[in-house]
Amino acid sequence: MRNYELMYIIRPDVEQETVQAVVEKFQGIIVNGGEIVKQDVQGKRRLAYEINKHREGTYVLVQFKASSEIVNELERVLKITDEVIRHMIVRDVVA
């Protein structure tokens, strides 16, 4: 298993319960074969530039350990989730 870092931005017009449901959905995918090291829901913040006519979004940062199959599944689900307006998964290289 390798270390990864995931950052995703949820649309600002969704309810708080929906934000929690989206976070739990991605937690479930990661825990199914990996482990979450740290998770931080950073709350609503202003975007640097407009994305899909949204000026702000709810930022979530997750550090986790998983295999590449889990990361591929996570990437697939992130792409088709309507509440997520932007995401990025990077491999965390420990020096």
C-alpha atoms as a PDB file:
ATOM      1  CA  MET A   1       0.000   0.000   0.000  1.00  0.00           C
ATOM      2  CA  ARG A   2       1.155   3.495  -0.827  1.00  0.00           C
ATOM      3  CA  ASN A   3       0.442   6.864   0.745  1.00  0.00           C
ATOM      4  CA  TYR A   4      -1.953   9.160  -1.121  1.00  0.00           C
ATOM      5  CA  GLU A   5      -3.509  12.557  -0.598  1.00  0.00           C
ATOM      6  CA  LEU A   6      -6.957  13.449  -1.922  1.00  0.00           C
ATOM      7  CA  MET A   7      -8.412  16.950  -2.128  1.00  0.00           C
ATOM      8  CA  TYR A   8     -11.918  17.494  -3.419  1.00  0.00           C
ATOM      9  CA  ILE A   9     -14.305  20.436  -3.533  1.00  0.00           C
ATOM     10  CA  ILE A  10     -18.041  19.982  -2.999  1.00  0.00           C
ATOM     11  CA  ARG A  11     -20.579  22.385  -4.539  1.00  0.00           C
ATOM     12  CA  PRO A  12     -21.570  25.233  -2.172  1.00  0.00           C
ATOM     13  CA  ASP A  13     -25.325  24.838  -2.724  1.00  0.00           C
ATOM     14  CA  VAL A  14     -25.628  21.355  -1.146  1.00  0.00           C
ATOM     15  CA  GLU A  15     -27.002  20.835   2.385  1.00  0.00           C
ATOM     16  CA  GLN A  16     -24.712  19.974   5.313  1.00  0.00           C
ATOM     17  CA  GLU A  17     -26.252  16.473   5.524  1.00  0.00           C
ATOM     18  CA  THR A  18     -25.396  15.893   1.860  1.00  0.00           C
ATOM     19  CA  VAL A  19     -21.812  17.057   2.450  1.00  0.00           C
ATOM     20  CA  GLN A  20     -21.531  14.538   5.291  1.00  0.00           C
ATOM     21  CA  ALA A  21     -23.028  11.791   3.089  1.00  0.00           C
ATOM     22  CA  VAL A  22     -20.511  12.505   0.299  1.00  0.00           C
ATOM     23  CA  VAL A  23     -17.601  12.450   2.780  1.00  0.00           C
ATOM     24  CA  GLU A  24     -18.821   9.132   4.226  1.00  0.00           C
ATOM     25  CA  LYS A  25     -19.234   7.668   0.724  1.00  0.00           C
ATOM     26  CA  PHE A  26     -15.577   8.311  -0.106  1.00  0.00           C
ATOM     27  CA  GLN A  27     -14.494   7.122   3.350  1.00  0.00           C
ATOM     28  CA  GLY A  28     -16.265   3.819   2.657  1.00  0.00           C
ATOM     29  CA  ILE A  29     -14.434   3.365  -0.642  1.00  0.00           C
ATOM     30  CA  ILE A  30     -11.040   4.047   0.957  1.00  0.00           C
ATOM     31  CA  VAL A  31     -11.624   1.859   4.040  1.00  0.00           C
ATOM     32  CA  ASN A  32     -12.651  -1.047   1.788  1.00  0.00           C
ATOM     33  CA  GLY A  33      -9.027  -2.161   1.337  1.00  0.00           C
ATOM     34  CA  GLY A  34      -7.108   0.827   2.654  1.00  0.00           C
ATOM     35  CA  GLU A  35      -6.848   3.032   5.713  1.00  0.00           C
ATOM     36  CA  ILE A  36      -7.468   6.718   6.357  1.00  0.00           C
ATOM     37  CA  VAL A  37      -4.518   8.412   8.068  1.00  0.00           C
ATOM     38  CA  LYS A  38      -6.051  11.889   8.409  1.00  0.00           C
ATOM     39  CA  GLN A  39      -9.207  13.623   7.218  1.00  0.00           C
ATOM     40  CA  ASP A  40     -10.004  17.313   7.392  1.00  0.00           C
ATOM     41  CA  VAL A  41     -13.244  18.947   6.238  1.00  0.00           C
ATOM     42  CA  GLN A  42     -11.990  22.492   5.827  1.00  0.00           C
ATOM     43  CA  GLY A  43     -15.399  24.051   5.270  1.00  0.00           C
ATOM     44  CA  LYS A  44     -16.624  26.593   2.760  1.00  0.00           C
ATOM     45  CA  ARG A  45     -13.896  28.668   1.148  1.00  0.00           C
ATOM     46  CA  ARG A  46     -13.709  31.038  -1.789  1.00  0.00           C
ATOM     47  CA  LEU A  47     -12.317  29.521  -4.989  1.00  0.00           C
ATOM     48  CA  ALA A  48      -9.354  31.111  -6.752  1.00  0.00           C
ATOM     49  CA  TYR A  49     -11.418  31.177  -9.959  1.00  0.00           C
ATOM     50  CA  GLU A  50     -14.964  30.337 -10.965  1.00  0.00           C
ATOM     51  CA  ILE A  51     -15.712  26.634 -11.602  1.00  0.00           C
ATOM     52  CA  ASN A  52     -19.052  25.750 -13.242  1.00  0.00           C
ATOM     53  CA  LYS A  53     -20.451  29.157 -12.182  1.00  0.00           C
ATOM     54  CA  HIS A  54     -19.542  28.552  -8.507  1.00  0.00           C
ATOM     55  CA  ARG A  55     -17.386  31.074  -6.633  1.00  0.00           C
ATOM     56  CA  GLU A  56     -16.933  29.005  -3.447  1.00  0.00           C
ATOM     57  CA  GLY A  57     -16.973  25.387  -2.321  1.00  0.00           C
ATOM     58  CA  THR A  58     -16.529  23.030   0.635  1.00  0.00           C
ATOM     59  CA  TYR A  59     -12.954  21.725   0.727  1.00  0.00           C
ATOM     60  CA  VAL A  60     -12.116  18.219   2.002  1.00  0.00           C
ATOM     61  CA  LEU A  61      -8.559  16.900   2.437  1.00  0.00           C
ATOM     62  CA  VAL A  62      -7.905  13.179   3.038  1.00  0.00           C
ATOM     63  CA  GLN A  63      -4.568  11.438   3.584  1.00  0.00           C
ATOM     64  CA  PHE A  64      -4.804   7.679   3.186  1.00  0.00           C
ATOM     65  CA  LYS A  65      -2.954   4.443   2.437  1.00  0.00           C
ATOM     66  CA  ALA A  66      -4.334   2.189  -0.279  1.00  0.00           C
ATOM     67  CA  SER A  67      -3.523   0.049  -3.286  1.00  0.00           C
ATOM     68  CA  SER A  68      -3.771   1.331  -6.842  1.00  0.00           C
ATOM     69  CA  GLU A  69      -7.056  -0.559  -7.402  1.00  0.00           C
ATOM     70  CA  ILE A  70      -8.712   1.412  -4.590  1.00  0.00           C
ATOM     71  CA  VAL A  71      -7.353   4.667  -6.027  1.00  0.00           C
ATOM     72  CA  ASN A  72      -8.698   3.816  -9.492  1.00  0.00           C
ATOM     73  CA  GLU A  73     -12.156   3.061  -8.053  1.00  0.00           C
ATOM     74  CA  LEU A  74     -12.066   6.275  -6.003  1.00  0.00           C
ATOM     75  CA  GLU A  75     -11.117   8.271  -9.110  1.00  0.00           C
ATOM     76  CA  ARG A  76     -13.983   6.695 -11.071  1.00  0.00           C
ATOM     77  CA  VAL A  77     -16.565   7.500  -8.383  1.00  0.00           C
ATOM     78  CA  LEU A  78     -15.239  11.061  -7.938  1.00  0.00           C
ATOM     79  CA  LYS A  79     -15.692  11.701 -11.660  1.00  0.00           C
ATOM     80  CA  ILE A  80     -19.356  10.643 -11.677  1.00  0.00           C
ATOM     81  CA  THR A  81     -20.389  12.277  -8.372  1.00  0.00           C
ATOM     82  CA  ASP A  82     -22.396  15.418  -9.169  1.00  0.00           C
ATOM     83  CA  GLU A  83     -21.701  17.115  -5.835  1.00  0.00           C
ATOM     84  CA  VAL A  84     -17.921  17.199  -6.464  1.00  0.00           C
ATOM     85  CA  ILE A  85     -16.858  20.060  -8.732  1.00  0.00           C
ATOM     86  CA  ARG A  86     -13.093  19.396  -8.637  1.00  0.00           C
ATOM     87  CA  HIS A  87     -10.780  16.709  -7.249  1.00  0.00           C
ATOM     88  CA  MET A  88      -7.140  15.673  -7.227  1.00  0.00           C
ATOM     89  CA  ILE A  89      -5.370  12.548  -5.979  1.00  0.00           C
ATOM     90  CA  VAL A  90      -1.583  12.629  -5.604  1.00  0.00           C
ATOM     91  CA  ARG A  91       0.857  10.026  -4.363  1.00  0.00           C
ATOM     92  CA  ASP A  92       2.435  11.241  -1.132  1.00  0.00           C
ATOM     93  CA  VAL A  93       6.199  10.707  -1.338  1.00  0.00           C
ATOM     94  CA  VAL A  94       7.775  10.467   2.107  1.00  0.00           C
ATOM     95  CA  ALA A  95      11.412  11.596   2.013  1.00  0.00           C
END
